[in-house]
C-alpha atoms as a PDB file:
ATOM      1  CA  MET A   1     -62.593 -16.795  37.319  1.00  0.00           C
ATOM      2  CA  PRO A   2     -65.410 -16.970  34.729  1.00  0.00           C
ATOM      3  CA  GLU A   3     -67.203 -20.293  34.338  1.00  0.00           C
ATOM      4  CA  VAL A   4     -66.363 -21.989  31.031  1.00  0.00           C
ATOM      5  CA  ILE A   5     -68.723 -24.516  29.476  1.00  0.00           C
ATOM      6  CA  LYS A   6     -67.088 -27.788  28.445  1.00  0.00           C
ATOM      7  CA  ARG A   7     -70.182 -29.159  26.706  1.00  0.00           C
ATOM      8  CA  VAL A   8     -73.973 -28.976  26.612  1.00  0.00           C
ATOM      9  CA  VAL A   9     -75.299 -32.168  28.198  1.00  0.00           C
ATOM     10  CA  ASP A  10     -78.984 -31.739  27.382  1.00  0.00           C
ATOM     11  CA  ARG A  11     -81.525 -29.100  26.407  1.00  0.00           C
ATOM     12  CA  ILE A  12     -84.289 -29.352  28.989  1.00  0.00           C
ATOM     13  CA  TYR A  13     -86.446 -26.367  28.053  1.00  0.00           C
ATOM     14  CA  GLU A  14     -86.857 -24.210  24.979  1.00  0.00           C
ATOM     15  CA  PHE A  15     -89.594 -21.773  24.159  1.00  0.00           C
ATOM     16  CA  ASP A  16     -89.518 -20.187  20.725  1.00  0.00           C
ATOM     17  CA  PHE A  17     -92.290 -17.618  20.449  1.00  0.00           C
ATOM     18  CA  SER A  18     -92.372 -17.985  16.665  1.00  0.00           C
ATOM     19  CA  GLN A  19     -93.406 -21.633  17.126  1.00  0.00           C
ATOM     20  CA  SER A  20     -96.178 -20.817  19.601  1.00  0.00           C
ATOM     21  CA  GLU A  21     -99.908 -20.984  18.967  1.00  0.00           C
ATOM     22  CA  LEU A  22    -100.452 -17.422  20.159  1.00  0.00           C
ATOM     23  CA  LEU A  23    -102.621 -15.192  17.995  1.00  0.00           C
ATOM     24  CA  ASP A  24    -100.825 -12.325  16.303  1.00  0.00           C
ATOM     25  CA  GLY A  25    -101.466  -8.950  17.928  1.00  0.00           C
ATOM     26  CA  ARG A  26    -103.473 -10.410  20.786  1.00  0.00           C
ATOM     27  CA  GLU A  27    -102.752 -10.246  24.481  1.00  0.00           C
ATOM     28  CA  ILE A  28    -101.762 -13.647  25.760  1.00  0.00           C
ATOM     29  CA  ILE A  29    -104.611 -13.661  28.207  1.00  0.00           C
ATOM     30  CA  THR A  30    -107.658 -13.926  25.993  1.00  0.00           C
ATOM     31  CA  GLU A  31    -110.925 -12.079  26.347  1.00  0.00           C
ATOM     32  CA  ASP A  32    -112.602 -14.991  28.145  1.00  0.00           C
ATOM     33  CA  ASN A  33    -109.692 -14.975  30.648  1.00  0.00           C
ATOM     34  CA  ILE A  34    -108.179 -18.249  29.439  1.00  0.00           C
ATOM     35  CA  SER A  35    -104.446 -17.920  29.893  1.00  0.00           C
ATOM     36  CA  GLU A  36    -102.691 -18.476  26.581  1.00  0.00           C
ATOM     37  CA  PHE A  37     -99.549 -17.607  28.500  1.00  0.00           C
ATOM     38  CA  VAL A  38     -99.704 -20.810  30.548  1.00  0.00           C
ATOM     39  CA  THR A  39    -100.582 -22.862  27.492  1.00  0.00           C
ATOM     40  CA  ALA A  40     -97.640 -21.490  25.530  1.00  0.00           C
ATOM     41  CA  PHE A  41     -94.957 -21.576  28.228  1.00  0.00           C
ATOM     42  CA  LYS A  42     -95.624 -24.859  29.993  1.00  0.00           C
ATOM     43  CA  LYS A  43     -93.694 -27.980  29.076  1.00  0.00           C
ATOM     44  CA  ARG A  44     -93.987 -31.631  30.044  1.00  0.00           C
ATOM     45  CA  ASP A  45     -91.283 -34.071  29.029  1.00  0.00           C
ATOM     46  CA  PHE A  46     -92.094 -37.311  30.815  1.00  0.00           C
ATOM     47  CA  ASP A  47     -89.103 -39.146  29.334  1.00  0.00           C
ATOM     48  CA  LYS A  48     -86.723 -36.677  30.985  1.00  0.00           C
ATOM     49  CA  GLY A  49     -88.948 -36.013  33.988  1.00  0.00           C
ATOM     50  CA  ILE A  50     -89.049 -32.278  33.224  1.00  0.00           C
ATOM     51  CA  LEU A  51     -92.084 -30.202  34.106  1.00  0.00           C
ATOM     52  CA  VAL A  52     -92.151 -26.416  33.549  1.00  0.00           C
ATOM     53  CA  THR A  53     -95.152 -24.500  34.868  1.00  0.00           C
ATOM     54  CA  PRO A  54     -95.511 -20.700  34.558  1.00  0.00           C
ATOM     55  CA  GLN A  55     -97.057 -18.784  37.447  1.00  0.00           C
ATOM     56  CA  GLY A  56     -97.652 -15.244  38.659  1.00  0.00           C
ATOM     57  CA  TYR A  57     -98.456 -13.583  35.343  1.00  0.00           C
ATOM     58  CA  THR A  58    -101.354 -11.095  35.207  1.00  0.00           C
ATOM     59  CA  ARG A  59    -101.601  -8.837  32.143  1.00  0.00           C
ATOM     60  CA  GLY A  60     -99.483  -6.849  29.727  1.00  0.00           C
ATOM     61  CA  LEU A  61     -97.750  -9.174  27.214  1.00  0.00           C
ATOM     62  CA  PHE A  62     -98.694  -9.273  23.521  1.00  0.00           C
ATOM     63  CA  TYR A  63     -97.586 -11.548  20.700  1.00  0.00           C
ATOM     64  CA  SER A  64     -96.267 -10.361  17.343  1.00  0.00           C
ATOM     65  CA  SER A  65     -95.206 -12.478  14.383  1.00  0.00           C
ATOM     66  CA  ALA A  66     -92.997  -9.666  13.039  1.00  0.00           C
ATOM     67  CA  GLY A  67     -89.346 -10.666  12.840  1.00  0.00           C
ATOM     68  CA  GLY A  68     -90.074 -14.345  13.340  1.00  0.00           C
ATOM     69  CA  GLY A  69     -92.166 -14.167  16.485  1.00  0.00           C
ATOM     70  CA  GLU A  70     -91.729 -12.297  19.739  1.00  0.00           C
ATOM     71  CA  ILE A  71     -93.427 -11.305  22.944  1.00  0.00           C
ATOM     72  CA  TYR A  72     -93.624  -7.609  23.765  1.00  0.00           C
ATOM     73  CA  ASN A  73     -95.040  -5.392  26.478  1.00  0.00           C
ATOM     74  CA  SER A  74     -98.002  -3.263  25.526  1.00  0.00           C
ATOM     75  CA  PRO A  75     -96.767   0.354  25.230  1.00  0.00           C
ATOM     76  CA  LYS A  76    -100.039   1.730  26.555  1.00  0.00           C
ATOM     77  CA  PHE A  77    -102.643   0.947  29.177  1.00  0.00           C
ATOM     78  CA  TYR A  78    -100.683  -1.801  30.911  1.00  0.00           C
ATOM     79  CA  PRO A  79     -97.935  -1.870  33.577  1.00  0.00           C
ATOM     80  CA  ASP A  80     -94.493  -0.832  32.417  1.00  0.00           C
ATOM     81  CA  VAL A  81     -92.980  -3.895  34.099  1.00  0.00           C
ATOM     82  CA  VAL A  82     -94.305  -7.415  33.552  1.00  0.00           C
ATOM     83  CA  THR A  83     -93.316 -10.267  35.866  1.00  0.00           C
ATOM     84  CA  PHE A  84     -93.843 -14.019  35.870  1.00  0.00           C
ATOM     85  CA  VAL A  85     -92.286 -17.170  37.320  1.00  0.00           C
ATOM     86  CA  LEU A  86     -91.219 -20.415  35.666  1.00  0.00           C
ATOM     87  CA  ASN A  87     -91.228 -23.367  38.076  1.00  0.00           C
ATOM     88  CA  VAL A  88     -88.854 -25.985  36.650  1.00  0.00           C
ATOM     89  CA  PHE A  89     -89.169 -29.486  38.131  1.00  0.00           C
ATOM     90  CA  GLY A  90     -87.051 -32.553  37.339  1.00  0.00           C
ATOM     91  CA  LEU A  91     -83.585 -30.994  37.509  1.00  0.00           C
ATOM     92  CA  LYS A  92     -80.520 -32.898  38.677  1.00  0.00           C
ATOM     93  CA  LYS A  93     -79.316 -32.018  42.165  1.00  0.00           C
ATOM     94  CA  GLY A  94     -75.953 -30.250  42.049  1.00  0.00           C
ATOM     95  CA  ALA A  95     -75.952 -29.960  38.252  1.00  0.00           C
ATOM     96  CA  PHE A  96     -75.089 -26.792  36.336  1.00  0.00           C
ATOM     97  CA  TYR A  97     -77.594 -25.156  34.007  1.00  0.00           C
ATOM     98  CA  LYS A  98     -77.309 -22.344  31.487  1.00  0.00           C
ATOM     99  CA  ILE A  99     -80.312 -20.072  31.007  1.00  0.00           C
ATOM    100  CA  THR A 100     -80.449 -18.006  27.818  1.00  0.00           C
ATOM    101  CA  VAL A 101     -82.868 -15.192  27.014  1.00  0.00           C
ATOM    102  CA  ILE A 102     -82.798 -13.834  23.459  1.00  0.00           C
ATOM    103  CA  SER A 103     -83.934 -10.231  23.029  1.00  0.00           C
ATOM    104  CA  ARG A 104     -85.007  -8.359  19.921  1.00  0.00           C
ATOM    105  CA  ASP A 105     -85.055  -4.708  18.878  1.00  0.00           C
ATOM    106  CA  THR A 106     -85.322  -2.383  21.910  1.00  0.00           C
ATOM    107  CA  SER A 107     -84.764   0.958  20.204  1.00  0.00           C
ATOM    108  CA  PRO A 108     -86.364   3.868  22.103  1.00  0.00           C
ATOM    109  CA  SER A 109     -88.717   4.745  19.241  1.00  0.00           C
ATOM    110  CA  LEU A 110     -90.636   1.510  19.756  1.00  0.00           C
ATOM    111  CA  PHE A 111     -91.911   2.372  23.227  1.00  0.00           C
ATOM    112  CA  VAL A 112     -93.392   5.209  25.228  1.00  0.00           C
ATOM    113  CA  THR A 113     -91.682   4.272  28.507  1.00  0.00           C
ATOM    114  CA  ASN A 114     -88.044   4.317  29.581  1.00  0.00           C
ATOM    115  CA  ASP A 115     -87.723   0.938  31.322  1.00  0.00           C
ATOM    116  CA  ARG A 116     -85.556  -1.422  29.244  1.00  0.00           C
ATOM    117  CA  ASN A 117     -84.457  -3.756  32.047  1.00  0.00           C
ATOM    118  CA  LEU A 118     -84.333  -7.528  31.788  1.00  0.00           C
ATOM    119  CA  ARG A 119     -83.898  -9.391  35.077  1.00  0.00           C
ATOM    120  CA  VAL A 120     -83.973 -13.083  35.958  1.00  0.00           C
ATOM    121  CA  SER A 121     -83.489 -14.294  39.535  1.00  0.00           C
ATOM    122  CA  ASN A 122     -84.090 -17.454  41.567  1.00  0.00           C
ATOM    123  CA  GLU A 123     -85.970 -18.213  44.779  1.00  0.00           C
ATOM    124  CA  ASP A 124     -82.871 -17.353  46.862  1.00  0.00           C
ATOM    125  CA  LYS A 125     -83.002 -13.830  45.355  1.00  0.00           C
ATOM    126  CA  GLU A 126     -79.731 -14.436  43.519  1.00  0.00           C
ATOM    127  CA  ILE A 127     -79.653 -12.336  40.355  1.00  0.00           C
ATOM    128  CA  LEU A 128     -78.949 -14.525  37.307  1.00  0.00           C
ATOM    129  CA  ILE A 129     -79.428 -11.924  34.556  1.00  0.00           C
ATOM    130  CA  ASP A 130     -79.663  -8.162  35.110  1.00  0.00           C
ATOM    131  CA  GLU A 131     -79.276  -6.120  31.942  1.00  0.00           C
ATOM    132  CA  ASP A 132     -80.289  -2.739  30.589  1.00  0.00           C
ATOM    133  CA  ILE A 133     -80.730  -3.615  26.939  1.00  0.00           C
ATOM    134  CA  THR A 134     -81.692  -0.224  25.543  1.00  0.00           C
ATOM    135  CA  GLY A 135     -81.051  -0.050  21.810  1.00  0.00           C
ATOM    136  CA  VAL A 136     -79.473  -3.516  21.445  1.00  0.00           C
ATOM    137  CA  GLU A 137     -79.397  -5.241  18.083  1.00  0.00           C
ATOM    138  CA  LYS A 138     -81.898  -7.910  17.220  1.00  0.00           C
ATOM    139  CA  ASN A 139     -81.406 -11.497  18.411  1.00  0.00           C
ATOM    140  CA  THR A 140     -78.999 -10.585  21.213  1.00  0.00           C
ATOM    141  CA  GLU A 141     -78.383 -13.396  23.715  1.00  0.00           C
ATOM    142  CA  TYR A 142     -78.143 -12.895  27.483  1.00  0.00           C
ATOM    143  CA  HIS A 143     -77.190 -15.914  29.521  1.00  0.00           C
ATOM    144  CA  THR A 144     -75.715 -17.114  32.782  1.00  0.00           C
ATOM    145  CA  ILE A 145     -74.909 -20.368  34.581  1.00  0.00           C
ATOM    146  CA  PHE A 146     -76.563 -21.466  37.804  1.00  0.00           C
ATOM    147  CA  ARG A 147     -76.377 -24.535  39.991  1.00  0.00           C
ATOM    148  CA  THR A 148     -79.320 -26.376  41.522  1.00  0.00           C
ATOM    149  CA  PRO A 149     -79.096 -27.668  45.121  1.00  0.00           C
ATOM    150  CA  ASP A 150     -82.422 -29.447  44.613  1.00  0.00           C
ATOM    151  CA  ASN A 151     -84.402 -31.053  41.795  1.00  0.00           C
ATOM    152  CA  GLU A 152     -86.502 -27.972  41.153  1.00  0.00           C
ATOM    153  CA  THR A 153     -86.088 -24.216  40.962  1.00  0.00           C
ATOM    154  CA  ASN A 154     -88.182 -21.094  40.476  1.00  0.00           C
ATOM    155  CA  LEU A 155     -86.958 -18.593  37.903  1.00  0.00           C
ATOM    156  CA  PHE A 156     -88.393 -15.083  38.322  1.00  0.00           C
ATOM    157  CA  PHE A 157     -88.598 -12.976  35.150  1.00  0.00           C
ATOM    158  CA  ARG A 158     -88.963  -9.200  35.102  1.00  0.00           C
ATOM    159  CA  LEU A 159     -89.411  -7.509  31.717  1.00  0.00           C
ATOM    160  CA  GLY A 160     -89.514  -3.764  31.300  1.00  0.00           C
ATOM    161  CA  LYS A 161     -90.949  -2.994  27.847  1.00  0.00           C
ATOM    162  CA  ILE A 162     -88.711  -5.539  26.172  1.00  0.00           C
ATOM    163  CA  PHE A 163     -89.097  -7.673  23.059  1.00  0.00           C
ATOM    164  CA  ILE A 164     -87.941 -11.248  23.743  1.00  0.00           C
ATOM    165  CA  SER A 165     -88.062 -14.154  21.308  1.00  0.00           C
ATOM    166  CA  ASN A 166     -86.656 -17.202  23.104  1.00  0.00           C
ATOM    167  CA  ILE A 167     -86.056 -18.681  26.558  1.00  0.00           C
ATOM    168  CA  ILE A 168     -83.718 -21.688  26.714  1.00  0.00           C
ATOM    169  CA  ILE A 169     -82.421 -23.819  29.608  1.00  0.00           C
ATOM    170  CA  ASP A 170     -79.531 -26.244  28.983  1.00  0.00           C
ATOM    171  CA  GLU A 171     -77.838 -28.648  31.350  1.00  0.00           C
ATOM    172  CA  VAL A 172     -74.090 -28.034  30.931  1.00  0.00           C
ATOM    173  CA  GLU A 173     -70.787 -29.471  32.078  1.00  0.00           C
ATOM    174  CA  LEU A 174     -68.100 -26.987  33.108  1.00  0.00           C
ATOM    175  CA  ILE A 175     -64.340 -27.187  32.795  1.00  0.00           C
ATOM    176  CA  GLU A 176     -63.348 -28.335  36.281  1.00  0.00           C
ATOM    177  CA  ASP A 177     -60.740 -25.648  36.965  1.00  0.00           C
ATOM    178  CA  THR A 178     -63.375 -22.937  36.537  1.00  0.00           C
ATOM    179  CA  VAL A 179     -65.893 -24.339  39.023  1.00  0.00           C
ATOM    180  CA  SER A 180     -65.497 -21.821  41.845  1.00  0.00           C
ATOM    181  CA  ASP A 181     -68.879 -22.492  43.450  1.00  0.00           C
ATOM    182  CA  GLU A 182     -67.660 -25.387  45.597  1.00  0.00           C
ATOM    183  CA  ILE A 183     -67.383 -25.142  49.367  1.00  0.00           C
ATOM    184  CA  ILE A 184     -64.429 -27.261  50.491  1.00  0.00           C
ATOM    185  CA  ALA A 185     -65.322 -29.661  53.301  1.00  0.00           C
ATOM    186  CA  ASP A 186     -63.136 -29.799  56.405  1.00  0.00           C
ATOM    187  CA  SER A 187     -62.277 -33.434  55.743  1.00  0.00           C
ATOM    188  CA  GLU A 188     -60.691 -32.529  52.399  1.00  0.00           C
ATOM    189  CA  LEU A 189     -58.214 -30.052  53.902  1.00  0.00           C
ATOM    190  CA  PHE A 190     -54.955 -30.705  55.696  1.00  0.00           C
ATOM    191  CA  GLN A 191     -53.853 -28.895  58.807  1.00  0.00           C
ATOM    192  CA  GLY A 192     -52.159 -25.615  57.967  1.00  0.00           C
ATOM    193  CA  LYS A 193     -54.228 -25.095  54.825  1.00  0.00           C
ATOM    194  CA  ILE A 194     -56.742 -22.339  54.110  1.00  0.00           C
ATOM    195  CA  GLY A 195     -60.091 -22.860  52.423  1.00  0.00           C
ATOM    196  CA  ILE A 196     -63.144 -20.830  51.464  1.00  0.00           C
ATOM    197  CA  VAL A 197     -66.122 -21.693  53.678  1.00  0.00           C
ATOM    198  CA  ALA A 198     -68.565 -18.957  52.628  1.00  0.00           C
ATOM    199  CA  TYR A 199     -68.808 -16.127  50.104  1.00  0.00           C
ATOM    200  CA  GLY A 200     -71.253 -13.762  48.442  1.00  0.00           C
ATOM    201  CA  VAL A 201     -71.557 -10.949  45.914  1.00  0.00           C
ATOM    202  CA  PHE A 202     -74.117  -8.306  46.903  1.00  0.00           C
ATOM    203  CA  THR A 203     -75.446  -5.007  45.581  1.00  0.00           C
ATOM    204  CA  THR A 204     -75.051  -1.778  47.539  1.00  0.00           C
ATOM    205  CA  GLU A 205     -78.828  -1.360  47.647  1.00  0.00           C
ATOM    206  CA  ALA A 206     -81.090  -3.087  50.150  1.00  0.00           C
ATOM    207  CA  ILE A 207     -84.109  -5.055  49.014  1.00  0.00           C
ATOM    208  CA  ASN A 208     -87.046  -2.666  49.020  1.00  0.00           C
ATOM    209  CA  ASP A 209     -90.499  -4.221  49.083  1.00  0.00           C
ATOM    210  CA  ASN A 210     -93.421  -4.649  51.434  1.00  0.00           C
ATOM    211  CA  SER A 211     -91.946  -7.804  52.946  1.00  0.00           C
ATOM    212  CA  TYR A 212     -89.199  -5.883  54.747  1.00  0.00           C
ATOM    213  CA  GLN A 213     -90.476  -3.009  56.830  1.00  0.00           C
ATOM    214  CA  GLY A 214     -88.277  -3.488  59.886  1.00  0.00           C
ATOM    215  CA  ARG A 215     -84.970  -2.076  60.943  1.00  0.00           C
ATOM    216  CA  TYR A 216     -82.756  -4.598  59.130  1.00  0.00           C
ATOM    217  CA  LEU A 217     -82.985  -4.805  55.330  1.00  0.00           C
ATOM    218  CA  PRO A 218     -81.454  -7.731  53.419  1.00  0.00           C
ATOM    219  CA  MET A 219     -79.142  -6.846  50.537  1.00  0.00           C
ATOM    220  CA  THR A 220     -79.668  -8.450  47.135  1.00  0.00           C
ATOM    221  CA  ARG A 221     -77.259 -11.386  46.730  1.00  0.00           C
ATOM    222  CA  TYR A 222     -76.194 -12.151  43.179  1.00  0.00           C
ATOM    223  CA  ILE A 223     -74.343 -15.354  43.967  1.00  0.00           C
ATOM    224  CA  GLY A 224     -72.873 -17.089  46.963  1.00  0.00           C
ATOM    225  CA  LYS A 225     -73.590 -19.339  49.901  1.00  0.00           C
ATOM    226  CA  GLY A 226     -73.140 -19.435  53.646  1.00  0.00           C
ATOM    227  CA  ILE A 227     -73.558 -15.705  54.391  1.00  0.00           C
ATOM    228  CA  ASN A 228     -76.023 -12.861  53.928  1.00  0.00           C
ATOM    229  CA  LEU A 229     -75.612  -9.110  54.117  1.00  0.00           C
ATOM    230  CA  TYR A 230     -78.033  -6.774  55.906  1.00  0.00           C
ATOM    231  CA  PHE A 231     -78.361  -3.009  56.247  1.00  0.00           C
ATOM    232  CA  ASP A 232     -79.303  -1.402  59.579  1.00  0.00           C
ATOM    233  CA  LYS A 233     -81.507   1.619  58.824  1.00  0.00           C
ATOM    234  CA  ASN A 234     -80.966   3.046  62.320  1.00  0.00           C
ATOM    235  CA  THR A 235     -77.155   3.042  62.267  1.00  0.00           C
ATOM    236  CA  ASN A 236     -76.330   2.905  58.496  1.00  0.00           C
ATOM    237  CA  LEU A 237     -74.180  -0.148  59.180  1.00  0.00           C
ATOM    238  CA  TYR A 238     -73.847  -3.215  56.978  1.00  0.00           C
ATOM    239  CA  ILE A 239     -73.988  -6.559  58.816  1.00  0.00           C
ATOM    240  CA  ILE A 240     -72.441  -9.848  57.647  1.00  0.00           C
ATOM    241  CA  GLU A 241     -74.282 -12.851  59.115  1.00  0.00           C
ATOM    242  CA  ARG A 242     -74.431 -16.587  58.593  1.00  0.00           C
ATOM    243  CA  ASP A 243     -77.155 -17.883  56.281  1.00  0.00           C
ATOM    244  CA  ASN A 244     -79.946 -19.783  58.023  1.00  0.00           C
ATOM    245  CA  LYS A 245     -80.887 -21.795  54.956  1.00  0.00           C
ATOM    246  CA  ASP A 246     -77.383 -22.755  53.861  1.00  0.00           C
ATOM    247  CA  ASP A 247     -74.987 -22.422  56.801  1.00  0.00           C
ATOM    248  CA  THR A 248     -71.687 -23.692  55.399  1.00  0.00           C
ATOM    249  CA  ILE A 249     -69.647 -22.299  58.324  1.00  0.00           C
ATOM    250  CA  GLY A 250     -71.317 -24.068  61.227  1.00  0.00           C
ATOM    251  CA  GLU A 251     -69.862 -21.833  63.935  1.00  0.00           C
ATOM    252  CA  SER A 252     -69.031 -18.213  64.673  1.00  0.00           C
ATOM    253  CA  PHE A 253     -66.600 -16.840  62.072  1.00  0.00           C
ATOM    254  CA  THR A 254     -65.215 -14.096  64.305  1.00  0.00           C
ATOM    255  CA  ASN A 255     -62.338 -15.967  65.964  1.00  0.00           C
ATOM    256  CA  SER A 256     -58.709 -16.143  64.874  1.00  0.00           C
ATOM    257  CA  ASN A 257     -59.296 -19.187  62.658  1.00  0.00           C
ATOM    258  CA  TYR A 258     -61.167 -17.085  60.098  1.00  0.00           C
ATOM    259  CA  ILE A 259     -60.099 -14.394  57.638  1.00  0.00           C
ATOM    260  CA  VAL A 260     -62.815 -12.172  56.181  1.00  0.00           C
ATOM    261  CA  ASP A 261     -62.082 -10.362  52.916  1.00  0.00           C
ATOM    262  CA  ILE A 262     -64.345  -7.487  51.749  1.00  0.00           C
ATOM    263  CA  ASN A 263     -63.980  -5.943  48.286  1.00  0.00           C
ATOM    264  CA  PHE A 264     -65.975  -3.605  46.079  1.00  0.00           C
ATOM    265  CA  ASN A 265     -65.953  -2.786  42.363  1.00  0.00           C
ATOM    266  CA  LYS A 266     -67.898   0.481  42.150  1.00  0.00           C
ATOM    267  CA  VAL A 267     -68.333   3.511  44.327  1.00  0.00           C
ATOM    268  CA  VAL A 268     -71.605   4.877  45.616  1.00  0.00           C
ATOM    269  CA  ASN A 269     -72.928   8.446  45.951  1.00  0.00           C
ATOM    270  CA  LYS A 270     -71.134   9.727  42.844  1.00  0.00           C
ATOM    271  CA  GLY A 271     -67.611   8.923  43.975  1.00  0.00           C
ATOM    272  CA  GLN A 272     -67.785  10.123  47.566  1.00  0.00           C
ATOM    273  CA  PHE A 273     -67.099   6.610  48.841  1.00  0.00           C
ATOM    274  CA  SER A 274     -63.416   5.945  49.560  1.00  0.00           C
ATOM    275  CA  GLN A 275     -63.165   3.152  52.146  1.00  0.00           C
ATOM    276  CA  TYR A 276     -64.984   1.099  54.734  1.00  0.00           C
ATOM    277  CA  ASN A 277     -64.555   0.826  58.491  1.00  0.00           C
ATOM    278  CA  ILE A 278     -65.079  -2.325  60.546  1.00  0.00           C
ATOM    279  CA  CYS A 279     -67.240  -1.141  63.446  1.00  0.00           C
ATOM    280  CA  GLU A 280     -67.963  -4.322  65.383  1.00  0.00           C
ATOM    281  CA  VAL A 281     -66.887  -7.973  65.371  1.00  0.00           C
ATOM    282  CA  SER A 282     -69.214  -9.982  67.593  1.00  0.00           C
ATOM    283  CA  PRO A 283     -69.284 -13.704  68.465  1.00  0.00           C
ATOM    284  CA  GLU A 284     -72.755 -13.259  69.972  1.00  0.00           C
ATOM    285  CA  ILE A 285     -76.033 -14.429  68.447  1.00  0.00           C
ATOM    286  CA  SER A 286     -77.049 -12.120  65.600  1.00  0.00           C
ATOM    287  CA  LEU A 287     -80.413 -10.355  65.538  1.00  0.00           C
ATOM    288  CA  ASN A 288     -81.538 -11.532  62.103  1.00  0.00           C
ATOM    289  CA  THR A 289     -80.500 -15.182  61.824  1.00  0.00           C
ATOM    290  CA  LEU A 290     -80.109 -16.087  65.520  1.00  0.00           C
ATOM    291  CA  LYS A 291     -76.751 -17.674  64.732  1.00  0.00           C
ATOM    292  CA  GLN A 292     -73.483 -16.839  66.429  1.00  0.00           C
ATOM    293  CA  GLY A 293     -71.142 -14.440  64.703  1.00  0.00           C
ATOM    294  CA  SER A 294     -71.563 -11.148  62.851  1.00  0.00           C
ATOM    295  CA  ILE A 295     -69.437  -8.308  61.491  1.00  0.00           C
ATOM    296  CA  LYS A 296     -70.662  -4.730  61.136  1.00  0.00           C
ATOM    297  CA  PHE A 297     -69.012  -2.211  58.807  1.00  0.00           C
ATOM    298  CA  GLU A 298     -69.753   1.156  57.198  1.00  0.00           C
ATOM    299  CA  PHE A 299     -68.771   3.052  54.048  1.00  0.00           C
ATOM    300  CA  VAL A 300     -67.039   6.385  54.633  1.00  0.00           C
ATOM    301  CA  ASP A 301     -65.544   9.172  52.530  1.00  0.00           C
ATOM    302  CA  ALA A 302     -62.008  10.560  52.636  1.00  0.00           C
ATOM    303  CA  HIS A 303     -62.880  12.543  55.773  1.00  0.00           C
ATOM    304  CA  ASP A 304     -64.286   9.496  57.573  1.00  0.00           C
ATOM    305  CA  ASN A 305     -67.890  10.664  57.155  1.00  0.00           C
ATOM    306  CA  VAL A 306     -70.461   7.897  56.760  1.00  0.00           C
ATOM    307  CA  VAL A 307     -71.735   7.410  53.190  1.00  0.00           C
ATOM    308  CA  LYS A 308     -75.116   5.735  52.771  1.00  0.00           C
ATOM    309  CA  TYR A 309     -75.872   3.287  49.984  1.00  0.00           C
ATOM    310  CA  SER A 310     -77.518   4.971  47.002  1.00  0.00           C
ATOM    311  CA  GLY A 311     -78.340   2.485  44.289  1.00  0.00           C
ATOM    312  CA  ASN A 312     -77.852  -1.031  43.033  1.00  0.00           C
ATOM    313  CA  THR A 313     -74.930  -0.350  40.671  1.00  0.00           C
ATOM    314  CA  GLY A 314     -72.260  -1.095  43.271  1.00  0.00           C
ATOM    315  CA  ARG A 315     -71.043  -4.599  44.009  1.00  0.00           C
ATOM    316  CA  ILE A 316     -69.653  -5.895  47.316  1.00  0.00           C
ATOM    317  CA  SER A 317     -67.866  -9.247  47.439  1.00  0.00           C
ATOM    318  CA  ILE A 318     -67.294 -10.961  50.777  1.00  0.00           C
ATOM    319  CA  VAL A 319     -65.168 -14.081  51.171  1.00  0.00           C
ATOM    320  CA  ILE A 320     -64.728 -15.955  54.456  1.00  0.00           C
ATOM    321  CA  ASN A 321     -61.661 -18.216  54.663  1.00  0.00           C
ATOM    322  CA  LYS A 322     -60.901 -20.712  57.401  1.00  0.00           C
ATOM    323  CA  LEU A 323     -57.452 -21.753  58.607  1.00  0.00           C
ATOM    324  CA  PHE A 324     -57.127 -25.489  59.238  1.00  0.00           C
END
């Protein structure tokens, strides 16, 4: 069920490029290597205890006052994709926050490259915003809601030749019936009841960077807690395992007290995917997390031939229920 905002509690961060001190038509790292980027993006609100510090930016963003102020990627001489991180300190533990990114004109004639992707993720590699905004109208808002387990978070931004004009973070209160991110504690359930103890929504494409060169590749998790999904390059099997960082299950989930539900919303390999097969249910210690319990499955076509993952457009949802 979609999360519905009841009210905005407080605006903790807002950056409006049109109100910045950036020089028009200049790269936001100046010639003497002083980072105008850090100066423009950082925020300190001592009354609220909020501190926002940008990190990880190198080169490639330019400022333009056209249309009220915007940041854009240089169409020539610089990387097609620009990345940076906003470290936000002073958040409330367990609170919900809405992040909004406002884009401007992304018509193809404005750029010489094809990348029009806007992505925002957190330190747990959960994807908060992932949009292809080719040809959108001006002042289009993209937003999502995330929850903070701690009093700080890192927000990773990836811009592919995109005009953006604003970044906003609001603390929000949700309508209680729509809050589906809660893990129900054992003490709150009566015998004979069933409750969700772990869940996750993953892409069908493994994370592909220099940090993961081994046999088992982690899958990108959009949202969830308690479990992770891996891909075994040697066997083409997917592996469900308990999360080391946030183990909400606390024991092997492969006995009769647990029900595991796997669903998908898109096919892979141009429609050749038709079903999945459970290949192994093991109560033994898993190879990646060293915690007991794992389930291995594979995607197959109508003739039971194995189908490999082939992109990040597919979505796999996994829900683990416990019988009490």
